[in-house]
Amino acid sequence: NQHVIADESPVIAVSLQDAVAYCPYKGERLPTENEWEYIARGPARHTFPWGENMGPAVGTENAAPRVGDGPGEGIGGRYRGLSGNVWQWVDSKVEGRRVLKGASWLETNPAFRRAASRRYELPSRADEDSGFRCAKSLPEWPDTDLWVAQIK
């Protein structure tokens, strides 16, 4: 039985080393935990990437959601799959452990889907609910003035 992976499937079973090696190929890097969380929570510091309503945090998926599925999340609704797709490696460590953000579709506890949640793992871990996203380095955050004005 051959397992076919569609282009819309998230890349899974990626170790931190593999993610770190891939991002420069795209001219990018892994986001830091602070960057990832700011994009997910925005200047309003929402609890979940989609806002304050816990409803979407209760997962019912039987497989990882396809890339691009679901409502817009994060700042300006520009992102998809920040929570409830796969745990995503970030370029941060806490007390020597590496950090993943975002919670996977396998999580049954809705609290893990909060934007502030994190998981600690060894950098060699690569399983069906770990992946990554790359980030571009910018001289400053886009729309900084707009976001700062919203906070005040």
N, C-alpha and C. Protein backbone atom coordinates (compact mmCIF):
# COMPACT_ATOMS: atom_id res chain seq x y z
N ASN A 1 0.85 -1.18 0.00
CA ASN A 1 0.00 0.00 0.00
C ASN A 1 0.89 1.24 0.00
N GLN A 2 0.78 2.03 -1.02
CA GLN A 2 1.60 3.24 -1.14
C GLN A 2 0.88 4.43 -0.53
N HIS A 3 1.58 5.21 0.28
CA HIS A 3 0.99 6.39 0.91
C HIS A 3 1.31 7.61 0.03
N VAL A 4 0.27 8.23 -0.51
CA VAL A 4 0.44 9.38 -1.38
C VAL A 4 0.29 10.65 -0.54
N ILE A 5 1.23 11.57 -0.69
CA ILE A 5 1.20 12.83 0.03
C ILE A 5 0.86 13.93 -0.96
N ALA A 6 -0.22 14.63 -0.69
CA ALA A 6 -0.65 15.71 -1.58
C ALA A 6 0.18 16.97 -1.34
N ASP A 7 0.24 17.83 -2.35
CA ASP A 7 0.96 19.11 -2.20
C ASP A 7 0.39 19.95 -1.08
N GLU A 8 -0.88 19.77 -0.76
CA GLU A 8 -1.54 20.56 0.28
C GLU A 8 -1.30 20.02 1.68
N SER A 9 -0.63 18.88 1.79
CA SER A 9 -0.36 18.30 3.10
C SER A 9 0.77 19.07 3.78
N PRO A 10 0.67 19.26 5.10
CA PRO A 10 1.78 19.91 5.80
C PRO A 10 3.00 18.97 5.82
N VAL A 11 4.16 19.55 5.82
CA VAL A 11 5.37 18.76 5.96
C VAL A 11 5.47 18.37 7.43
N ILE A 12 5.59 17.08 7.68
CA ILE A 12 5.63 16.60 9.06
C ILE A 12 6.88 15.74 9.26
N ALA A 13 7.11 15.36 10.51
CA ALA A 13 8.25 14.52 10.87
C ALA A 13 9.56 15.22 10.52
N VAL A 14 9.66 16.48 10.90
CA VAL A 14 10.84 17.28 10.62
C VAL A 14 11.56 17.57 11.93
N SER A 15 12.83 17.26 11.99
CA SER A 15 13.61 17.59 13.17
C SER A 15 14.03 19.05 13.12
N LEU A 16 14.47 19.57 14.24
CA LEU A 16 14.96 20.94 14.28
C LEU A 16 16.13 21.11 13.31
N GLN A 17 17.03 20.15 13.28
CA GLN A 17 18.18 20.24 12.39
C GLN A 17 17.74 20.34 10.93
N ASP A 18 16.74 19.57 10.54
CA ASP A 18 16.24 19.62 9.17
C ASP A 18 15.59 20.96 8.86
N ALA A 19 14.83 21.49 9.81
CA ALA A 19 14.18 22.79 9.61
C ALA A 19 15.21 23.90 9.47
N VAL A 20 16.22 23.88 10.33
CA VAL A 20 17.28 24.89 10.29
C VAL A 20 18.05 24.79 8.97
N ALA A 21 18.23 23.60 8.45
CA ALA A 21 18.93 23.42 7.18
C ALA A 21 18.09 23.88 5.99
N TYR A 22 16.77 23.71 6.07
CA TYR A 22 15.90 24.03 4.94
C TYR A 22 15.66 25.54 4.77
N CYS A 23 15.40 26.25 5.84
CA CYS A 23 15.02 27.67 5.73
C CYS A 23 16.02 28.51 4.93
N PRO A 24 17.34 28.37 5.12
CA PRO A 24 18.27 29.16 4.30
C PRO A 24 18.15 28.86 2.80
N TYR A 25 17.74 27.65 2.47
CA TYR A 25 17.51 27.31 1.06
C TYR A 25 16.46 28.24 0.46
N LYS A 26 15.50 28.67 1.26
CA LYS A 26 14.46 29.60 0.82
C LYS A 26 14.85 31.06 1.06
N GLY A 27 16.07 31.29 1.58
CA GLY A 27 16.50 32.64 1.91
C GLY A 27 15.84 33.15 3.18
N GLU A 28 15.46 32.24 4.05
CA GLU A 28 14.74 32.59 5.27
C GLU A 28 15.39 31.90 6.46
N ARG A 29 14.71 31.92 7.59
CA ARG A 29 15.21 31.34 8.84
C ARG A 29 14.01 30.92 9.67
N LEU A 30 14.26 30.19 10.75
CA LEU A 30 13.18 29.90 11.69
C LEU A 30 12.85 31.17 12.47
N PRO A 31 11.58 31.40 12.76
CA PRO A 31 11.24 32.55 13.62
C PRO A 31 11.66 32.25 15.06
N THR A 32 11.89 33.29 15.83
CA THR A 32 12.09 33.10 17.26
C THR A 32 10.73 32.84 17.90
N GLU A 33 10.75 32.37 19.12
CA GLU A 33 9.47 32.17 19.83
C GLU A 33 8.73 33.49 19.97
N ASN A 34 9.43 34.55 20.28
CA ASN A 34 8.78 35.86 20.42
C ASN A 34 8.16 36.32 19.11
N GLU A 35 8.84 36.15 18.00
CA GLU A 35 8.28 36.53 16.70
C GLU A 35 7.04 35.69 16.39
N TRP A 36 7.15 34.38 16.57
CA TRP A 36 6.03 33.50 16.27
C TRP A 36 4.82 33.89 17.10
N GLU A 37 5.03 34.12 18.39
CA GLU A 37 3.91 34.44 19.27
C GLU A 37 3.32 35.81 18.95
N TYR A 38 4.15 36.79 18.60
CA TYR A 38 3.61 38.10 18.26
C TYR A 38 2.74 38.02 17.00
N ILE A 39 3.20 37.28 16.01
CA ILE A 39 2.40 37.11 14.79
C ILE A 39 1.07 36.44 15.13
N ALA A 40 1.10 35.45 16.02
CA ALA A 40 -0.13 34.71 16.37
C ALA A 40 -1.07 35.55 17.23
N ARG A 41 -0.54 36.31 18.17
CA ARG A 41 -1.39 37.03 19.13
C ARG A 41 -1.68 38.46 18.72
N GLY A 42 -0.77 39.08 17.98
CA GLY A 42 -0.96 40.47 17.57
C GLY A 42 -0.82 41.45 18.71
N PRO A 43 -0.96 42.72 18.40
CA PRO A 43 -0.82 43.75 19.43
C PRO A 43 -1.89 43.67 20.51
N ALA A 44 -3.04 43.06 20.19
CA ALA A 44 -4.10 42.91 21.18
C ALA A 44 -3.83 41.74 22.13
N ARG A 45 -2.80 40.96 21.85
CA ARG A 45 -2.40 39.82 22.68
C ARG A 45 -3.55 38.82 22.87
N HIS A 46 -4.17 38.44 21.75
CA HIS A 46 -5.26 37.46 21.80
C HIS A 46 -4.80 36.16 22.43
N THR A 47 -5.70 35.44 23.02
CA THR A 47 -5.40 34.16 23.63
C THR A 47 -5.10 33.10 22.58
N PHE A 48 -5.89 33.09 21.52
CA PHE A 48 -5.73 32.14 20.42
C PHE A 48 -5.38 32.91 19.15
N PRO A 49 -4.76 32.28 18.17
CA PRO A 49 -4.43 33.00 16.94
C PRO A 49 -5.64 33.57 16.20
N TRP A 50 -6.82 33.07 16.48
CA TRP A 50 -8.04 33.57 15.82
C TRP A 50 -8.83 34.52 16.71
N GLY A 51 -8.40 34.75 17.94
CA GLY A 51 -9.11 35.67 18.84
C GLY A 51 -9.23 35.12 20.24
N GLU A 52 -10.38 35.38 20.87
CA GLU A 52 -10.58 34.96 22.26
C GLU A 52 -11.49 33.74 22.40
N ASN A 53 -12.23 33.39 21.37
CA ASN A 53 -13.19 32.30 21.42
C ASN A 53 -12.48 30.95 21.40
N MET A 54 -12.73 30.13 22.41
CA MET A 54 -12.09 28.82 22.49
C MET A 54 -12.64 27.82 21.48
N GLY A 55 -13.81 28.06 20.95
CA GLY A 55 -14.48 27.11 20.06
C GLY A 55 -13.60 26.42 19.05
N PRO A 56 -12.88 27.17 18.20
CA PRO A 56 -12.04 26.50 17.20
C PRO A 56 -10.89 25.69 17.80
N ALA A 57 -10.61 25.86 19.09
CA ALA A 57 -9.51 25.11 19.71
C ALA A 57 -9.87 23.66 19.94
N VAL A 58 -11.14 23.33 19.91
CA VAL A 58 -11.56 21.95 20.13
C VAL A 58 -11.45 21.22 18.81
N GLY A 59 -10.38 20.46 18.66
CA GLY A 59 -10.09 19.81 17.38
C GLY A 59 -10.95 18.59 17.13
N THR A 60 -11.34 18.40 15.88
CA THR A 60 -12.11 17.23 15.48
C THR A 60 -11.48 16.57 14.25
N GLU A 61 -10.26 16.97 13.92
CA GLU A 61 -9.63 16.47 12.71
C GLU A 61 -9.20 15.01 12.87
N ASN A 62 -9.26 14.28 11.76
CA ASN A 62 -8.77 12.91 11.73
C ASN A 62 -7.40 12.83 11.07
N ALA A 63 -6.95 13.95 10.55
CA ALA A 63 -5.63 14.05 9.91
C ALA A 63 -5.21 15.51 9.98
N ALA A 64 -3.94 15.74 9.78
CA ALA A 64 -3.45 17.12 9.81
C ALA A 64 -4.19 17.93 8.74
N PRO A 65 -4.68 19.13 9.09
CA PRO A 65 -5.37 19.95 8.10
C PRO A 65 -4.45 20.28 6.92
N ARG A 66 -5.04 20.45 5.76
CA ARG A 66 -4.26 20.81 4.58
C ARG A 66 -3.73 22.23 4.74
N VAL A 67 -2.60 22.48 4.13
CA VAL A 67 -2.02 23.82 4.15
C VAL A 67 -3.01 24.78 3.52
N GLY A 68 -3.25 25.89 4.18
CA GLY A 68 -4.17 26.90 3.66
C GLY A 68 -5.62 26.71 4.08
N ASP A 69 -5.93 25.57 4.73
CA ASP A 69 -7.30 25.36 5.21
C ASP A 69 -7.56 26.20 6.45
N GLY A 70 -8.80 26.42 6.72
CA GLY A 70 -9.19 27.11 7.93
C GLY A 70 -9.22 28.62 7.77
N PRO A 71 -9.74 29.28 8.78
CA PRO A 71 -9.86 30.74 8.73
C PRO A 71 -8.50 31.41 8.87
N GLY A 72 -8.43 32.66 8.47
CA GLY A 72 -7.22 33.45 8.66
C GLY A 72 -6.94 33.61 10.14
N GLU A 73 -5.68 33.56 10.49
CA GLU A 73 -5.27 33.67 11.89
C GLU A 73 -4.17 34.71 12.00
N GLY A 74 -3.84 35.04 13.23
CA GLY A 74 -2.73 35.94 13.48
C GLY A 74 -3.02 37.36 13.03
N ILE A 75 -2.00 38.17 13.01
CA ILE A 75 -2.14 39.58 12.66
C ILE A 75 -2.79 39.74 11.29
N GLY A 76 -3.89 40.45 11.27
CA GLY A 76 -4.58 40.73 10.01
C GLY A 76 -5.17 39.51 9.33
N GLY A 77 -5.25 38.37 10.01
CA GLY A 77 -5.77 37.16 9.37
C GLY A 77 -4.92 36.69 8.21
N ARG A 78 -3.64 37.05 8.22
CA ARG A 78 -2.75 36.74 7.09
C ARG A 78 -2.18 35.33 7.11
N TYR A 79 -2.39 34.58 8.16
CA TYR A 79 -1.73 33.29 8.33
C TYR A 79 -2.76 32.18 8.47
N ARG A 80 -2.32 30.97 8.22
CA ARG A 80 -3.16 29.79 8.39
C ARG A 80 -2.34 28.75 9.16
N GLY A 81 -3.02 27.92 9.92
CA GLY A 81 -2.36 26.80 10.58
C GLY A 81 -1.40 27.18 11.68
N LEU A 82 -1.60 28.34 12.31
CA LEU A 82 -0.73 28.69 13.43
C LEU A 82 -0.99 27.79 14.62
N SER A 83 -2.20 27.31 14.77
CA SER A 83 -2.53 26.42 15.87
C SER A 83 -3.46 25.34 15.36
N GLY A 84 -3.16 24.11 15.75
CA GLY A 84 -4.03 23.01 15.36
C GLY A 84 -3.61 22.32 14.08
N ASN A 85 -2.46 22.66 13.55
CA ASN A 85 -1.94 21.97 12.38
C ASN A 85 -0.82 21.05 12.85
N VAL A 86 0.39 21.57 13.01
CA VAL A 86 1.50 20.82 13.59
C VAL A 86 2.23 21.73 14.58
N TRP A 87 2.89 21.13 15.56
CA TRP A 87 3.78 21.89 16.42
C TRP A 87 4.91 22.39 15.53
N GLN A 88 5.29 23.64 15.68
CA GLN A 88 6.28 24.25 14.78
C GLN A 88 7.54 24.64 15.55
N TRP A 89 8.68 24.19 15.02
CA TRP A 89 9.96 24.54 15.62
C TRP A 89 10.18 26.04 15.53
N VAL A 90 10.72 26.62 16.58
CA VAL A 90 11.16 28.02 16.56
C VAL A 90 12.61 28.07 17.01
N ASP A 91 13.28 29.16 16.68
CA ASP A 91 14.69 29.31 17.01
C ASP A 91 14.84 29.88 18.41
N SER A 92 14.44 29.11 19.39
CA SER A 92 14.53 29.52 20.79
C SER A 92 14.77 28.28 21.63
N LYS A 93 15.43 28.49 22.75
CA LYS A 93 15.58 27.39 23.70
C LYS A 93 15.40 27.93 25.10
N VAL A 94 14.88 27.08 25.95
CA VAL A 94 14.64 27.42 27.34
C VAL A 94 15.33 26.34 28.19
N GLU A 95 16.25 26.77 29.02
CA GLU A 95 16.99 25.85 29.88
C GLU A 95 17.55 24.67 29.09
N GLY A 96 18.11 24.97 27.92
CA GLY A 96 18.75 23.95 27.11
C GLY A 96 17.82 23.11 26.26
N ARG A 97 16.51 23.27 26.40
CA ARG A 97 15.56 22.51 25.60
C ARG A 97 15.06 23.37 24.45
N ARG A 98 14.78 22.75 23.32
CA ARG A 98 14.28 23.46 22.15
C ARG A 98 12.76 23.59 22.23
N VAL A 99 12.24 24.64 21.58
CA VAL A 99 10.84 25.01 21.73
C VAL A 99 10.08 24.81 20.42
N LEU A 100 8.85 24.31 20.55
CA LEU A 100 7.90 24.25 19.45
C LEU A 100 6.67 25.05 19.86
N LYS A 101 6.01 25.66 18.88
CA LYS A 101 4.80 26.47 19.11
C LYS A 101 3.68 25.96 18.20
N GLY A 102 2.45 26.26 18.59
CA GLY A 102 1.33 26.08 17.68
C GLY A 102 0.40 24.93 17.92
N ALA A 103 0.77 23.94 18.67
CA ALA A 103 -0.08 22.78 18.93
C ALA A 103 -0.48 22.06 17.65
N SER A 104 -0.58 20.77 17.76
CA SER A 104 -0.91 19.98 16.58
C SER A 104 -2.37 19.55 16.58
N TRP A 105 -2.78 19.02 15.47
CA TRP A 105 -4.12 18.50 15.31
C TRP A 105 -4.36 17.29 16.21
N LEU A 106 -3.30 16.68 16.73
CA LEU A 106 -3.44 15.53 17.61
C LEU A 106 -3.75 15.91 19.05
N GLU A 107 -3.58 17.18 19.41
CA GLU A 107 -3.81 17.62 20.79
C GLU A 107 -5.30 17.55 21.12
N THR A 108 -5.62 16.92 22.23
CA THR A 108 -7.01 16.83 22.66
C THR A 108 -7.36 17.89 23.70
N ASN A 109 -6.35 18.50 24.30
CA ASN A 109 -6.57 19.54 25.30
C ASN A 109 -6.56 20.91 24.61
N PRO A 110 -7.71 21.62 24.57
CA PRO A 110 -7.77 22.91 23.88
C PRO A 110 -6.79 23.94 24.43
N ALA A 111 -6.36 23.80 25.67
CA ALA A 111 -5.43 24.76 26.26
C ALA A 111 -4.10 24.79 25.50
N PHE A 112 -3.71 23.67 24.88
CA PHE A 112 -2.47 23.64 24.11
C PHE A 112 -2.54 24.49 22.85
N ARG A 113 -3.74 24.82 22.41
CA ARG A 113 -3.90 25.61 21.18
C ARG A 113 -3.79 27.11 21.43
N ARG A 114 -3.61 27.50 22.69
CA ARG A 114 -3.38 28.92 22.99
C ARG A 114 -2.08 29.36 22.32
N ALA A 115 -2.03 30.60 21.88
CA ALA A 115 -0.84 31.11 21.21
C ALA A 115 0.39 31.11 22.11
N ALA A 116 0.18 31.20 23.41
CA ALA A 116 1.31 31.24 24.35
C ALA A 116 1.83 29.85 24.71
N SER A 117 1.14 28.79 24.32
CA SER A 117 1.58 27.45 24.67
C SER A 117 2.89 27.11 23.97
N ARG A 118 3.67 26.28 24.62
CA ARG A 118 4.91 25.81 24.02
C ARG A 118 5.14 24.37 24.42
N ARG A 119 5.93 23.70 23.60
CA ARG A 119 6.32 22.33 23.89
C ARG A 119 7.84 22.28 23.83
N TYR A 120 8.45 21.53 24.71
CA TYR A 120 9.91 21.37 24.73
C TYR A 120 10.27 20.00 24.20
N GLU A 121 11.28 19.96 23.35
CA GLU A 121 11.70 18.67 22.79
C GLU A 121 13.20 18.67 22.53
N LEU A 122 13.73 17.49 22.33
CA LEU A 122 15.10 17.35 21.86
C LEU A 122 15.13 17.74 20.39
N PRO A 123 16.20 18.38 19.92
CA PRO A 123 16.24 18.84 18.53
C PRO A 123 16.18 17.72 17.50
N SER A 124 16.43 16.48 17.90
CA SER A 124 16.38 15.36 16.97
C SER A 124 14.97 14.82 16.78
N ARG A 125 14.01 15.27 17.58
CA ARG A 125 12.64 14.74 17.48
C ARG A 125 12.04 15.08 16.12
N ALA A 126 11.44 14.08 15.51
CA ALA A 126 10.75 14.26 14.22
C ALA A 126 9.59 13.26 14.21
N ASP A 127 8.37 13.75 14.38
CA ASP A 127 7.23 12.86 14.45
C ASP A 127 6.07 13.41 13.64
N GLU A 128 4.93 12.71 13.70
CA GLU A 128 3.81 13.07 12.85
C GLU A 128 3.13 14.38 13.20
N ASP A 129 3.52 15.01 14.31
CA ASP A 129 2.89 16.29 14.64
C ASP A 129 3.91 17.40 14.87
N SER A 130 5.08 17.27 14.27
CA SER A 130 6.06 18.36 14.34
C SER A 130 6.44 18.80 12.93
N GLY A 131 6.58 20.11 12.78
CA GLY A 131 6.94 20.69 11.50
C GLY A 131 7.58 22.05 11.74
N PHE A 132 7.43 22.96 10.80
CA PHE A 132 8.04 24.28 10.95
C PHE A 132 7.46 25.23 9.92
N ARG A 133 7.74 26.50 10.11
CA ARG A 133 7.52 27.51 9.08
C ARG A 133 8.73 28.42 9.11
N CYS A 134 9.06 28.97 7.96
CA CYS A 134 10.22 29.86 7.86
C CYS A 134 9.78 31.31 7.98
N ALA A 135 10.71 32.17 8.34
CA ALA A 135 10.44 33.60 8.48
C ALA A 135 11.49 34.39 7.71
N LYS A 136 11.08 35.54 7.23
CA LYS A 136 12.01 36.45 6.57
C LYS A 136 12.54 37.45 7.59
N SER A 137 13.78 37.82 7.44
CA SER A 137 14.34 38.87 8.28
C SER A 137 14.00 40.21 7.66
N LEU A 138 13.46 41.12 8.45
CA LEU A 138 13.08 42.44 7.99
C LEU A 138 13.78 43.48 8.86
N PRO A 139 14.05 44.66 8.30
CA PRO A 139 14.69 45.69 9.13
C PRO A 139 13.79 46.18 10.27
N GLU A 140 12.49 46.10 10.09
CA GLU A 140 11.53 46.43 11.14
C GLU A 140 10.24 45.70 10.85
N TRP A 141 9.39 45.60 11.87
CA TRP A 141 8.11 44.94 11.68
C TRP A 141 7.27 45.72 10.68
N PRO A 142 6.61 45.04 9.75
CA PRO A 142 5.72 45.76 8.83
C PRO A 142 4.55 46.38 9.60
N ASP A 143 4.10 47.52 9.14
CA ASP A 143 2.96 48.22 9.74
C ASP A 143 3.17 48.53 11.22
N THR A 144 4.41 48.73 11.62
CA THR A 144 4.71 48.97 13.04
C THR A 144 3.90 50.13 13.59
N ASP A 145 3.82 51.23 12.86
CA ASP A 145 3.10 52.39 13.36
C ASP A 145 1.62 52.06 13.61
N LEU A 146 1.03 51.32 12.71
CA LEU A 146 -0.39 50.92 12.86
C LEU A 146 -0.56 50.06 14.11
N TRP A 147 0.30 49.07 14.30
CA TRP A 147 0.17 48.16 15.44
C TRP A 147 0.41 48.90 16.75
N VAL A 148 1.40 49.77 16.78
CA VAL A 148 1.68 50.52 18.00
C VAL A 148 0.50 51.41 18.34
N ALA A 149 -0.11 52.04 17.32
CA ALA A 149 -1.28 52.89 17.55
C ALA A 149 -2.44 52.09 18.13
N GLN A 150 -2.60 50.83 17.73
CA GLN A 150 -3.69 50.00 18.24
C GLN A 150 -3.49 49.64 19.71
N ILE A 151 -2.24 49.56 20.13
CA ILE A 151 -1.94 49.20 21.51
C ILE A 151 -2.25 50.37 22.45
N LYS A 152 -1.99 51.59 21.99
CA LYS A 152 -2.15 52.77 22.84
C LYS A 152 -3.60 53.10 23.11
